[in-house]
Amino acid sequence: MLLQVALENEGVLKSPPPDVLFDKFDDSSLNFNLRVWTTCYIQKPGVLKSQINYAIHKKFKENNIEIPFPQRDLHLKTGFPLSLKSDVNTPHG
């Protein structure tokens, strides 16, 4: 899918072709590097990267691929509520 997204972008050169490297296993993900070549976006590579990222996100949604986000367990302890102490020497009145 990553290669398909790259090849569908008009700013990506067909030769040399884009490629994908499997970078590493991470805690909650598999990390890939999509490498592309361009002559259109030499001065603004961030624009091409953004276009490709949006297209990847869309392609993943169309294919029901979800990006895993770290999950956290929250443990709440029950007990007496916190209260503010009042100063006994403060006049009330």
C-alpha atoms as a PDB file:
ATOM      1  CA  MET A   1       0.000   0.000   0.000  1.00  0.00           C
ATOM      2  CA  LEU A   2       2.856   2.390   0.769  1.00  0.00           C
ATOM      3  CA  LEU A   3       4.356   1.844  -2.675  1.00  0.00           C
ATOM      4  CA  GLN A   4       0.951   2.260  -4.289  1.00  0.00           C
ATOM      5  CA  VAL A   5       0.467   5.604  -2.535  1.00  0.00           C
ATOM      6  CA  ALA A   6       3.893   6.776  -3.653  1.00  0.00           C
ATOM      7  CA  LEU A   7       3.333   5.753  -7.266  1.00  0.00           C
ATOM      8  CA  GLU A   8      -0.060   7.507  -7.353  1.00  0.00           C
ATOM      9  CA  ASN A   9       1.525  10.859  -6.409  1.00  0.00           C
ATOM     10  CA  GLU A  10       2.394  12.921  -9.495  1.00  0.00           C
ATOM     11  CA  GLY A  11       5.416  14.474  -7.766  1.00  0.00           C
ATOM     12  CA  VAL A  12       7.128  11.113  -7.210  1.00  0.00           C
ATOM     13  CA  LEU A  13       9.482   9.885  -9.930  1.00  0.00           C
ATOM     14  CA  LYS A  14       8.817   6.440 -11.406  1.00  0.00           C
ATOM     15  CA  SER A  15      12.539   5.983 -12.023  1.00  0.00           C
ATOM     16  CA  PRO A  16      14.237   5.397  -9.742  1.00  0.00           C
ATOM     17  CA  PRO A  17      11.216   3.699  -8.250  1.00  0.00           C
ATOM     18  CA  PRO A  18      10.091   4.323  -4.670  1.00  0.00           C
ATOM     19  CA  ASP A  19      10.951   1.653  -2.139  1.00  0.00           C
ATOM     20  CA  VAL A  20      10.023   0.650   1.380  1.00  0.00           C
ATOM     21  CA  LEU A  21      12.435  -0.386   4.110  1.00  0.00           C
ATOM     22  CA  PHE A  22      11.280  -2.275   7.196  1.00  0.00           C
ATOM     23  CA  ASP A  23      13.094  -0.261   9.837  1.00  0.00           C
ATOM     24  CA  LYS A  24      12.246  -1.942  13.150  1.00  0.00           C
ATOM     25  CA  PHE A  25       9.772  -3.476  15.548  1.00  0.00           C
ATOM     26  CA  ASP A  26       8.709  -0.950  18.167  1.00  0.00           C
ATOM     27  CA  ASP A  27       6.596  -1.209  21.334  1.00  0.00           C
ATOM     28  CA  SER A  28       3.261  -0.832  19.567  1.00  0.00           C
ATOM     29  CA  SER A  29       4.201  -0.640  15.909  1.00  0.00           C
ATOM     30  CA  LEU A  30       6.097  -1.888  12.908  1.00  0.00           C
ATOM     31  CA  ASN A  31       8.180   0.998  11.521  1.00  0.00           C
ATOM     32  CA  PHE A  32       8.727   1.426   7.797  1.00  0.00           C
ATOM     33  CA  ASN A  33      10.582   4.031   5.755  1.00  0.00           C
ATOM     34  CA  LEU A  34       9.012   4.955   2.427  1.00  0.00           C
ATOM     35  CA  ARG A  35      11.689   6.416   0.164  1.00  0.00           C
ATOM     36  CA  VAL A  36      10.752   8.432  -2.912  1.00  0.00           C
ATOM     37  CA  TRP A  37      12.554  10.609  -5.430  1.00  0.00           C
ATOM     38  CA  THR A  38      11.267  13.848  -6.914  1.00  0.00           C
ATOM     39  CA  THR A  39      12.277  16.733  -9.125  1.00  0.00           C
ATOM     40  CA  CYS A  40       9.120  18.768  -8.442  1.00  0.00           C
ATOM     41  CA  TYR A  41       9.535  19.211  -4.684  1.00  0.00           C
ATOM     42  CA  ILE A  42      13.272  19.693  -4.241  1.00  0.00           C
ATOM     43  CA  GLN A  43      12.759  23.111  -2.623  1.00  0.00           C
ATOM     44  CA  LYS A  44       9.721  22.024  -0.573  1.00  0.00           C
ATOM     45  CA  PRO A  45      10.060  18.379   0.486  1.00  0.00           C
ATOM     46  CA  GLY A  46       7.686  18.948   3.404  1.00  0.00           C
ATOM     47  CA  VAL A  47       4.828  19.512   0.952  1.00  0.00           C
ATOM     48  CA  LEU A  48       5.460  16.174  -0.754  1.00  0.00           C
ATOM     49  CA  LYS A  49       5.805  14.423   2.604  1.00  0.00           C
ATOM     50  CA  SER A  50       2.489  15.911   3.751  1.00  0.00           C
ATOM     51  CA  GLN A  51       0.726  14.847   0.533  1.00  0.00           C
ATOM     52  CA  ILE A  52       2.032  11.302   0.920  1.00  0.00           C
ATOM     53  CA  ASN A  53       1.142  11.148   4.621  1.00  0.00           C
ATOM     54  CA  TYR A  54      -2.432  12.246   3.908  1.00  0.00           C
ATOM     55  CA  ALA A  55      -2.691   9.651   1.131  1.00  0.00           C
ATOM     56  CA  ILE A  56      -1.297   6.916   3.424  1.00  0.00           C
ATOM     57  CA  HIS A  57      -3.811   7.827   6.117  1.00  0.00           C
ATOM     58  CA  LYS A  58      -6.649   7.677   3.584  1.00  0.00           C
ATOM     59  CA  LYS A  59      -5.436   4.346   2.142  1.00  0.00           C
ATOM     60  CA  PHE A  60      -5.130   2.833   5.617  1.00  0.00           C
ATOM     61  CA  LYS A  61      -8.677   3.946   6.528  1.00  0.00           C
ATOM     62  CA  GLU A  62     -10.031   2.462   3.286  1.00  0.00           C
ATOM     63  CA  ASN A  63      -8.361  -0.846   4.166  1.00  0.00           C
ATOM     64  CA  ASN A  64      -9.318  -0.825   7.869  1.00  0.00           C
ATOM     65  CA  ILE A  65      -5.730  -0.488   9.050  1.00  0.00           C
ATOM     66  CA  GLU A  66      -5.529   1.308  12.365  1.00  0.00           C
ATOM     67  CA  ILE A  67      -2.492   3.043  13.781  1.00  0.00           C
ATOM     68  CA  PRO A  68      -1.846   1.654  17.275  1.00  0.00           C
ATOM     69  CA  PHE A  69      -1.501   4.180  20.035  1.00  0.00           C
ATOM     70  CA  PRO A  70       0.018   3.266  23.388  1.00  0.00           C
ATOM     71  CA  GLN A  71      -2.610   2.202  25.886  1.00  0.00           C
ATOM     72  CA  ARG A  72      -2.384   3.195  29.514  1.00  0.00           C
ATOM     73  CA  ASP A  73      -4.130   1.601  32.475  1.00  0.00           C
ATOM     74  CA  LEU A  74      -5.352   4.016  35.105  1.00  0.00           C
ATOM     75  CA  HIS A  75      -5.805   2.652  38.626  1.00  0.00           C
ATOM     76  CA  LEU A  76      -7.885   4.818  40.947  1.00  0.00           C
ATOM     77  CA  LYS A  77      -7.756   4.325  44.687  1.00  0.00           C
ATOM     78  CA  THR A  78     -10.900   4.936  46.675  1.00  0.00           C
ATOM     79  CA  GLY A  79     -10.885   6.604  50.052  1.00  0.00           C
ATOM     80  CA  PHE A  80     -11.806   9.783  51.813  1.00  0.00           C
ATOM     81  CA  PRO A  81     -12.007  12.912  49.659  1.00  0.00           C
ATOM     82  CA  LEU A  82      -9.371  15.564  50.139  1.00  0.00           C
ATOM     83  CA  SER A  83     -10.496  18.600  52.079  1.00  0.00           C
ATOM     84  CA  LEU A  84      -8.916  21.953  52.746  1.00  0.00           C
ATOM     85  CA  LYS A  85      -7.810  22.518  56.327  1.00  0.00           C
ATOM     86  CA  SER A  86      -9.030  25.706  57.922  1.00  0.00           C
ATOM     87  CA  ASP A  87      -6.814  27.605  60.280  1.00  0.00           C
ATOM     88  CA  VAL A  88      -8.357  27.377  63.773  1.00  0.00           C
ATOM     89  CA  ASN A  89      -6.931  30.798  64.637  1.00  0.00           C
ATOM     90  CA  THR A  90      -8.765  32.506  61.787  1.00  0.00           C
ATOM     91  CA  PRO A  91     -11.688  34.542  63.066  1.00  0.00           C
ATOM     92  CA  HIS A  92     -15.003  33.604  61.512  1.00  0.00           C
ATOM     93  CA  GLY A  93     -17.387  36.279  61.400  1.00  0.00           C
END
